[in-house]
Amino acid sequence: MSFLNGTKLTPASFILNGIPGLEEVHLWISFPLCTMYSIAISGNFGLMYLIYSEEALHRPMYIFLALLSFTDVLMCTSTLPNTLCILWFNRKEIDFKACLAQMFFVHTFTGMESGVLMLMALDRYVAICYPLRYATILTNSVIAKAGLLTFLRGVMLVIPFTFLTKHLPYCRGNVIPHTYCDHMSVAKISCGNVKINAIYGLMVALLIGGFDILCITISYTMILRAVVSLSSADARQKTFSTCTAHICAIVITYVPAFFTFFTHRFGGHTIPPHIHIIMANLYLLMPPTMNPIVYGVKTKQIRESVIRFLLKGKSNSSHSI
């Protein structure tokens, strides 16, 4: 280890210990994680390609969905390749700076995920409450600016994590009982005062997650009021059906996220460490894996585009023969 400013110990690297207590079944645990990661990568790239290639999907709702897919790919890729190296090859060492970089990307992209879900809720609000002004309100320029602001918000709020963690003393050792570098997992192995880290982490969660959930709640309250005011039951069902995939995505994202966040801070010793770590991995893997499936099943336009794409491919292959 090397000294910083003569007093603070900074390790050259950390040891990511995988899932403590389940070392003997690391290989078996890796198979479902690898399967989910494969589905996430292929599903999200497939969805992005479909939205890009199908002109019928060049609408704000699907542009936001493509942005969600792009975020999902980056979010799970920031940890899963490294996690699989730990579980498969026992390659547990990670450079100190690489650990800080991973922490930055994990928290930036999870914040981005939440922000995109919020933007998608606002998109549904505009589409249902102001249908005649939908195209003029949500222009490509507005969508690009909203996406950029959501990304910059995450970057600006997450950057302090790296500085706060970097300047902690690590005189207890460098073994992290986790599969990736999460802010509080790294901070907890320090022998310094991590109260500022915990408070700032809570603040960021409220500024990102709390704000986004508030916007989503307000949007859906307004949507429900608009849907209830429709005259026929069929119109109400058709209008609200455009939101079902998004509601599923919200549940898939926020339930494991809240579990991970609150158990890390308030769970104490009541929940076994391996449950914490498995849920922390699922929290990064579940949304990327499930979102393409949910949108593929629940969204009529995407189903039709997939069928058209497959028929086109089949037609091209028969012509080539």
Protein backbone atom coordinates (compact mmCIF):
# COMPACT_ATOMS: atom_id res chain seq x y z
CA MET A 1 0.00 0.00 0.00
CA SER A 2 1.05 3.59 -0.61
CA PHE A 3 0.61 6.64 1.61
CA LEU A 4 -1.32 9.76 0.57
CA ASN A 5 -0.54 13.07 2.26
CA GLY A 6 1.55 11.12 4.77
CA THR A 7 -1.47 9.90 6.75
CA LYS A 8 -4.02 8.13 4.56
CA LEU A 9 -3.55 4.61 3.31
CA THR A 10 -4.61 3.89 -0.24
CA PRO A 11 -4.34 0.34 -1.60
CA ALA A 12 -2.87 -0.22 -5.06
CA SER A 13 -5.79 -2.59 -5.71
CA PHE A 14 -8.86 -4.14 -4.11
CA ILE A 15 -9.86 -7.79 -3.88
CA LEU A 16 -13.48 -8.35 -4.90
CA ASN A 17 -14.35 -11.44 -2.92
CA GLY A 18 -17.38 -12.52 -4.94
CA ILE A 19 -20.27 -13.86 -2.86
CA PRO A 20 -18.98 -14.69 0.66
CA GLY A 21 -20.35 -17.97 2.00
CA LEU A 22 -21.22 -19.26 -1.46
CA GLU A 23 -17.70 -19.69 -2.87
CA GLU A 24 -18.29 -23.39 -3.57
CA VAL A 25 -21.25 -22.63 -5.85
CA HIS A 26 -19.74 -19.59 -7.63
CA LEU A 27 -19.64 -21.54 -10.90
CA TRP A 28 -23.33 -22.52 -10.65
CA ILE A 29 -24.37 -18.97 -9.78
CA SER A 30 -22.49 -17.71 -12.85
CA PHE A 31 -24.71 -19.65 -15.30
CA PRO A 32 -28.00 -17.79 -14.64
CA LEU A 33 -26.11 -14.48 -14.49
CA CYS A 34 -24.40 -15.21 -17.82
CA THR A 35 -27.72 -16.28 -19.38
CA MET A 36 -29.43 -13.09 -18.20
CA TYR A 37 -26.53 -10.97 -19.48
CA SER A 38 -26.68 -12.69 -22.89
CA ILE A 39 -30.45 -12.06 -23.10
CA ALA A 40 -29.94 -8.44 -22.01
CA ILE A 41 -27.27 -7.71 -24.63
CA SER A 42 -29.02 -9.46 -27.54
CA GLY A 43 -32.48 -8.17 -26.57
CA ASN A 44 -31.46 -4.54 -26.13
CA PHE A 45 -29.27 -4.40 -29.24
CA GLY A 46 -32.09 -6.06 -31.17
CA LEU A 47 -34.59 -3.49 -29.86
CA MET A 48 -32.28 -0.57 -30.72
CA TYR A 49 -31.72 -1.92 -34.23
CA LEU A 50 -35.45 -2.44 -34.73
CA ILE A 51 -36.27 1.13 -33.63
CA TYR A 52 -33.51 2.49 -35.88
CA SER A 53 -34.51 0.48 -38.96
CA GLU A 54 -38.32 0.67 -38.74
CA GLU A 55 -39.68 4.07 -39.78
CA ALA A 56 -42.98 3.38 -37.98
CA LEU A 57 -41.02 3.40 -34.68
CA HIS A 58 -39.40 6.82 -35.25
CA ARG A 59 -41.62 8.40 -32.61
CA PRO A 60 -40.77 9.92 -29.20
CA MET A 61 -42.03 6.91 -27.22
CA TYR A 62 -39.70 4.53 -29.08
CA ILE A 63 -36.76 6.96 -29.13
CA PHE A 64 -36.98 7.03 -25.32
CA LEU A 65 -37.20 3.22 -25.35
CA ALA A 66 -34.02 3.06 -27.48
CA LEU A 67 -32.34 5.37 -24.95
CA LEU A 68 -33.49 3.05 -22.14
CA SER A 69 -32.05 0.04 -24.01
CA PHE A 70 -28.74 1.84 -24.56
CA THR A 71 -28.58 2.71 -20.85
CA ASP A 72 -29.44 -0.89 -19.90
CA VAL A 73 -26.56 -2.26 -22.02
CA LEU A 74 -24.05 0.13 -20.43
CA MET A 75 -25.40 -0.46 -16.91
CA CYS A 76 -25.06 -4.26 -16.92
CA THR A 77 -21.79 -4.21 -18.93
CA SER A 78 -20.17 -1.98 -16.29
CA THR A 79 -20.16 -4.95 -13.86
CA LEU A 80 -21.11 -8.32 -15.40
CA PRO A 81 -17.94 -9.14 -17.42
CA ASN A 82 -15.85 -8.47 -14.29
CA THR A 83 -18.28 -10.43 -12.08
CA LEU A 84 -18.10 -13.44 -14.41
CA CYS A 85 -14.28 -13.31 -14.32
CA ILE A 86 -14.49 -13.56 -10.52
CA LEU A 87 -16.99 -16.43 -10.57
CA TRP A 88 -15.35 -18.38 -13.42
CA PHE A 89 -11.61 -17.72 -13.13
CA ASN A 90 -11.25 -16.45 -9.54
CA ARG A 91 -9.77 -13.19 -10.91
CA LYS A 92 -10.62 -11.07 -7.89
CA GLU A 93 -8.07 -8.26 -8.05
CA ILE A 94 -9.12 -4.86 -9.39
CA ASP A 95 -6.92 -1.77 -9.62
CA PHE A 96 -7.87 1.03 -7.21
CA LYS A 97 -8.53 3.51 -10.04
CA ALA A 98 -10.43 0.88 -12.03
CA CYS A 99 -12.59 0.28 -8.97
CA LEU A 100 -13.38 4.01 -8.71
CA ALA A 101 -14.16 4.10 -12.45
CA GLN A 102 -16.50 1.10 -12.12
CA MET A 103 -18.24 2.77 -9.17
CA PHE A 104 -18.71 5.94 -11.22
CA PHE A 105 -20.19 4.10 -14.22
CA VAL A 106 -22.47 1.86 -12.11
CA HIS A 107 -24.05 4.78 -10.26
CA THR A 108 -24.16 7.08 -13.30
CA PHE A 109 -26.00 4.53 -15.43
CA THR A 110 -28.39 3.48 -12.65
CA GLY A 111 -29.23 7.18 -12.21
CA MET A 112 -29.64 7.46 -15.98
CA GLU A 113 -31.97 4.43 -15.97
CA SER A 114 -34.20 6.11 -13.40
CA GLY A 115 -34.14 9.38 -15.34
CA VAL A 116 -35.13 7.73 -18.63
CA LEU A 117 -38.06 5.98 -16.92
CA MET A 118 -39.15 9.39 -15.65
CA LEU A 119 -38.89 10.88 -19.17
CA MET A 120 -40.94 7.97 -20.51
CA ALA A 121 -43.65 8.70 -17.92
CA LEU A 122 -43.71 12.35 -19.05
CA ASP A 123 -43.94 11.11 -22.66
CA ARG A 124 -47.03 9.03 -21.80
CA TYR A 125 -48.52 12.03 -19.94
CA VAL A 126 -48.13 14.31 -22.98
CA ALA A 127 -49.39 11.60 -25.38
CA ILE A 128 -52.57 10.94 -23.37
CA CYS A 129 -53.34 14.39 -21.93
CA TYR A 130 -52.23 16.52 -24.93
CA PRO A 131 -52.51 14.17 -27.94
CA LEU A 132 -52.96 16.97 -30.52
CA ARG A 133 -49.80 18.75 -29.34
CA TYR A 134 -47.73 15.58 -28.81
CA ALA A 135 -45.54 15.97 -31.93
CA THR A 136 -44.96 19.70 -31.38
CA ILE A 137 -44.08 19.35 -27.66
CA LEU A 138 -41.79 16.30 -27.94
CA THR A 139 -39.60 17.28 -30.88
CA ASN A 140 -36.27 15.54 -31.59
CA SER A 141 -34.49 18.59 -30.15
CA VAL A 142 -36.46 18.39 -26.87
CA ILE A 143 -35.82 14.63 -26.62
CA ALA A 144 -32.05 15.10 -27.21
CA LYS A 145 -31.84 17.89 -24.60
CA ALA A 146 -33.86 15.88 -22.05
CA GLY A 147 -31.59 12.83 -22.55
CA LEU A 148 -28.43 14.92 -22.26
CA LEU A 149 -29.65 16.68 -19.09
CA THR A 150 -30.55 13.31 -17.52
CA PHE A 151 -27.04 12.01 -18.27
CA LEU A 152 -25.33 15.19 -16.98
CA ARG A 153 -27.42 15.10 -13.80
CA GLY A 154 -26.13 11.59 -13.06
CA VAL A 155 -22.52 12.53 -13.85
CA MET A 156 -22.52 15.69 -11.71
CA LEU A 157 -24.12 13.96 -8.71
CA VAL A 158 -21.99 10.78 -8.91
CA ILE A 159 -18.55 12.39 -9.41
CA PRO A 160 -18.30 13.29 -5.66
CA PHE A 161 -18.64 9.56 -4.81
CA THR A 162 -15.25 8.90 -6.36
CA PHE A 163 -13.55 11.79 -4.53
CA LEU A 164 -15.14 10.89 -1.17
CA THR A 165 -14.11 7.23 -1.57
CA LYS A 166 -10.64 8.01 -2.90
CA HIS A 167 -9.68 10.02 0.17
CA LEU A 168 -10.77 7.45 2.76
CA PRO A 169 -8.04 5.57 4.67
CA TYR A 170 -8.02 1.80 4.05
CA CYS A 171 -5.94 0.54 6.98
CA ARG A 172 -8.24 -2.48 7.61
CA GLY A 173 -7.25 -4.13 4.34
CA ASN A 174 -8.44 -4.15 0.78
CA VAL A 175 -10.92 -7.07 0.59
CA ILE A 176 -14.42 -6.04 -0.57
CA PRO A 177 -17.14 -8.66 0.08
CA HIS A 178 -18.86 -8.00 -3.24
CA THR A 179 -18.71 -8.80 -6.97
CA TYR A 180 -18.27 -5.17 -8.06
CA CYS A 181 -17.27 -1.78 -6.66
CA ASP A 182 -20.39 -0.26 -5.18
CA HIS A 183 -20.02 3.06 -3.31
CA MET A 184 -21.08 1.88 0.16
CA SER A 185 -19.44 -1.56 -0.18
CA VAL A 186 -16.07 0.14 -0.75
CA ALA A 187 -16.65 2.82 1.90
CA LYS A 188 -17.56 0.21 4.55
CA ILE A 189 -14.11 -1.45 4.43
CA SER A 190 -12.45 1.88 5.26
CA CYS A 191 -11.25 2.62 8.79
CA GLY A 192 -12.21 6.29 8.37
CA ASN A 193 -15.44 8.14 9.07
CA VAL A 194 -17.92 7.21 6.32
CA LYS A 195 -20.81 9.27 7.68
CA ILE A 196 -20.40 11.87 4.90
CA ASN A 197 -20.45 9.07 2.30
CA ALA A 198 -23.65 7.63 3.76
CA ILE A 199 -25.36 11.05 4.00
CA TYR A 200 -24.30 12.07 0.49
CA GLY A 201 -25.41 8.67 -0.88
CA LEU A 202 -28.84 9.18 0.70
CA MET A 203 -28.98 12.71 -0.71
CA VAL A 204 -28.19 11.50 -4.25
CA ALA A 205 -30.81 8.74 -3.94
CA LEU A 206 -33.41 11.36 -2.99
CA LEU A 207 -32.31 13.82 -5.69
CA ILE A 208 -32.40 11.17 -8.41
CA GLY A 209 -34.72 8.36 -7.32
CA GLY A 210 -37.00 10.49 -5.12
CA PHE A 211 -37.40 13.22 -7.75
CA ASP A 212 -37.97 10.73 -10.58
CA ILE A 213 -40.55 8.72 -8.60
CA LEU A 214 -42.37 11.95 -7.68
CA CYS A 215 -42.52 12.96 -11.39
CA ILE A 216 -43.67 9.45 -12.37
CA THR A 217 -46.37 9.49 -9.67
CA ILE A 218 -47.66 12.93 -10.71
CA SER A 219 -47.62 11.89 -14.40
CA TYR A 220 -49.64 8.75 -13.76
CA THR A 221 -52.07 10.58 -11.49
CA MET A 222 -52.79 12.98 -14.36
CA ILE A 223 -52.95 10.07 -16.84
CA LEU A 224 -55.47 8.19 -14.67
CA ARG A 225 -57.63 11.32 -14.39
CA ALA A 226 -57.59 11.70 -18.19
CA VAL A 227 -58.32 7.98 -18.77
CA VAL A 228 -61.21 7.90 -16.26
CA SER A 229 -62.81 10.90 -17.97
CA LEU A 230 -63.07 9.00 -21.30
CA SER A 231 -66.62 8.01 -22.20
CA SER A 232 -66.26 4.35 -23.22
CA ALA A 233 -64.62 1.45 -21.39
CA ASP A 234 -62.97 0.34 -24.64
CA ALA A 235 -61.34 3.77 -25.11
CA ARG A 236 -60.13 3.71 -21.49
CA GLN A 237 -58.65 0.23 -21.93
CA LYS A 238 -56.91 1.09 -25.23
CA THR A 239 -55.50 4.36 -23.89
CA PHE A 240 -54.15 2.90 -20.67
CA SER A 241 -52.74 -0.18 -22.44
CA THR A 242 -50.05 2.08 -23.94
CA CYS A 243 -48.70 2.50 -20.38
CA THR A 244 -48.63 -1.14 -19.19
CA ALA A 245 -45.14 -1.95 -20.52
CA HIS A 246 -43.75 1.20 -18.90
CA ILE A 247 -45.41 0.37 -15.56
CA CYS A 248 -43.83 -3.12 -15.69
CA ALA A 249 -40.42 -1.53 -16.42
CA ILE A 250 -40.83 0.78 -13.39
CA VAL A 251 -41.62 -2.16 -11.07
CA ILE A 252 -38.74 -4.28 -12.46
CA THR A 253 -36.29 -1.39 -11.94
CA TYR A 254 -37.32 0.15 -8.63
CA VAL A 255 -38.21 -2.92 -6.49
CA PRO A 256 -34.69 -4.49 -6.51
CA ALA A 257 -33.13 -1.00 -6.43
CA PHE A 258 -34.98 -0.04 -3.24
CA PHE A 259 -34.23 -3.40 -1.66
CA THR A 260 -30.50 -2.98 -2.37
CA PHE A 261 -30.40 0.66 -1.25
CA PHE A 262 -32.29 0.31 2.03
CA THR A 263 -30.80 -3.02 3.16
CA HIS A 264 -27.29 -1.61 2.59
CA ARG A 265 -28.02 1.30 4.91
CA PHE A 266 -30.62 0.02 7.37
CA GLY A 267 -30.60 -3.78 7.04
CA GLY A 268 -27.72 -4.24 9.45
CA HIS A 269 -27.04 -7.89 10.19
CA THR A 270 -30.63 -9.06 9.74
CA ILE A 271 -30.14 -9.99 6.06
CA PRO A 272 -27.27 -12.38 5.15
CA PRO A 273 -24.46 -10.75 3.09
CA HIS A 274 -24.90 -13.17 0.16
CA ILE A 275 -28.55 -12.05 -0.21
CA HIS A 276 -27.35 -8.41 -0.36
CA ILE A 277 -24.84 -9.25 -3.09
CA ILE A 278 -27.15 -11.46 -5.19
CA MET A 279 -29.85 -8.75 -5.07
CA ALA A 280 -27.26 -6.08 -5.96
CA ASN A 281 -26.40 -8.09 -9.09
CA LEU A 282 -30.06 -8.67 -9.98
CA TYR A 283 -30.72 -4.96 -9.50
CA LEU A 284 -28.30 -4.28 -12.39
CA LEU A 285 -29.36 -7.30 -14.47
CA MET A 286 -33.15 -7.57 -14.11
CA PRO A 287 -34.13 -4.35 -15.96
CA PRO A 288 -31.81 -4.93 -18.97
CA THR A 289 -32.97 -8.56 -19.23
CA MET A 290 -36.70 -8.00 -18.78
CA ASN A 291 -37.32 -4.63 -20.48
CA PRO A 292 -36.92 -5.88 -24.11
CA ILE A 293 -39.13 -8.90 -23.31
CA VAL A 294 -41.81 -6.77 -21.62
CA TYR A 295 -41.89 -4.20 -24.42
CA GLY A 296 -41.82 -6.95 -27.06
CA VAL A 297 -44.81 -8.70 -25.48
CA LYS A 298 -46.84 -5.68 -24.35
CA THR A 299 -46.33 -3.22 -27.24
CA LYS A 300 -48.34 -3.97 -30.37
CA GLN A 301 -46.21 -1.78 -32.70
CA ILE A 302 -43.00 -3.54 -31.64
CA ARG A 303 -44.59 -6.99 -32.09
CA GLU A 304 -45.76 -6.02 -35.58
CA SER A 305 -42.33 -4.56 -36.44
CA VAL A 306 -40.62 -7.78 -35.30
CA ILE A 307 -42.98 -9.86 -37.49
CA ARG A 308 -42.38 -7.55 -40.49
CA PHE A 309 -38.62 -7.73 -39.92
CA LEU A 310 -38.68 -11.54 -39.71
CA LEU A 311 -40.87 -11.85 -42.82
CA LYS A 312 -38.58 -9.47 -44.71
CA GLY A 313 -35.55 -11.53 -43.70
CA LYS A 314 -37.29 -14.75 -44.72
CA SER A 315 -38.29 -13.22 -48.07
CA ASN A 316 -34.71 -12.01 -48.74
CA SER A 317 -33.24 -15.42 -47.91
CA SER A 318 -35.71 -17.20 -50.24
CA HIS A 319 -34.84 -14.79 -53.09
CA SER A 320 -31.12 -15.39 -52.59
CA ILE A 321 -31.70 -19.14 -52.87
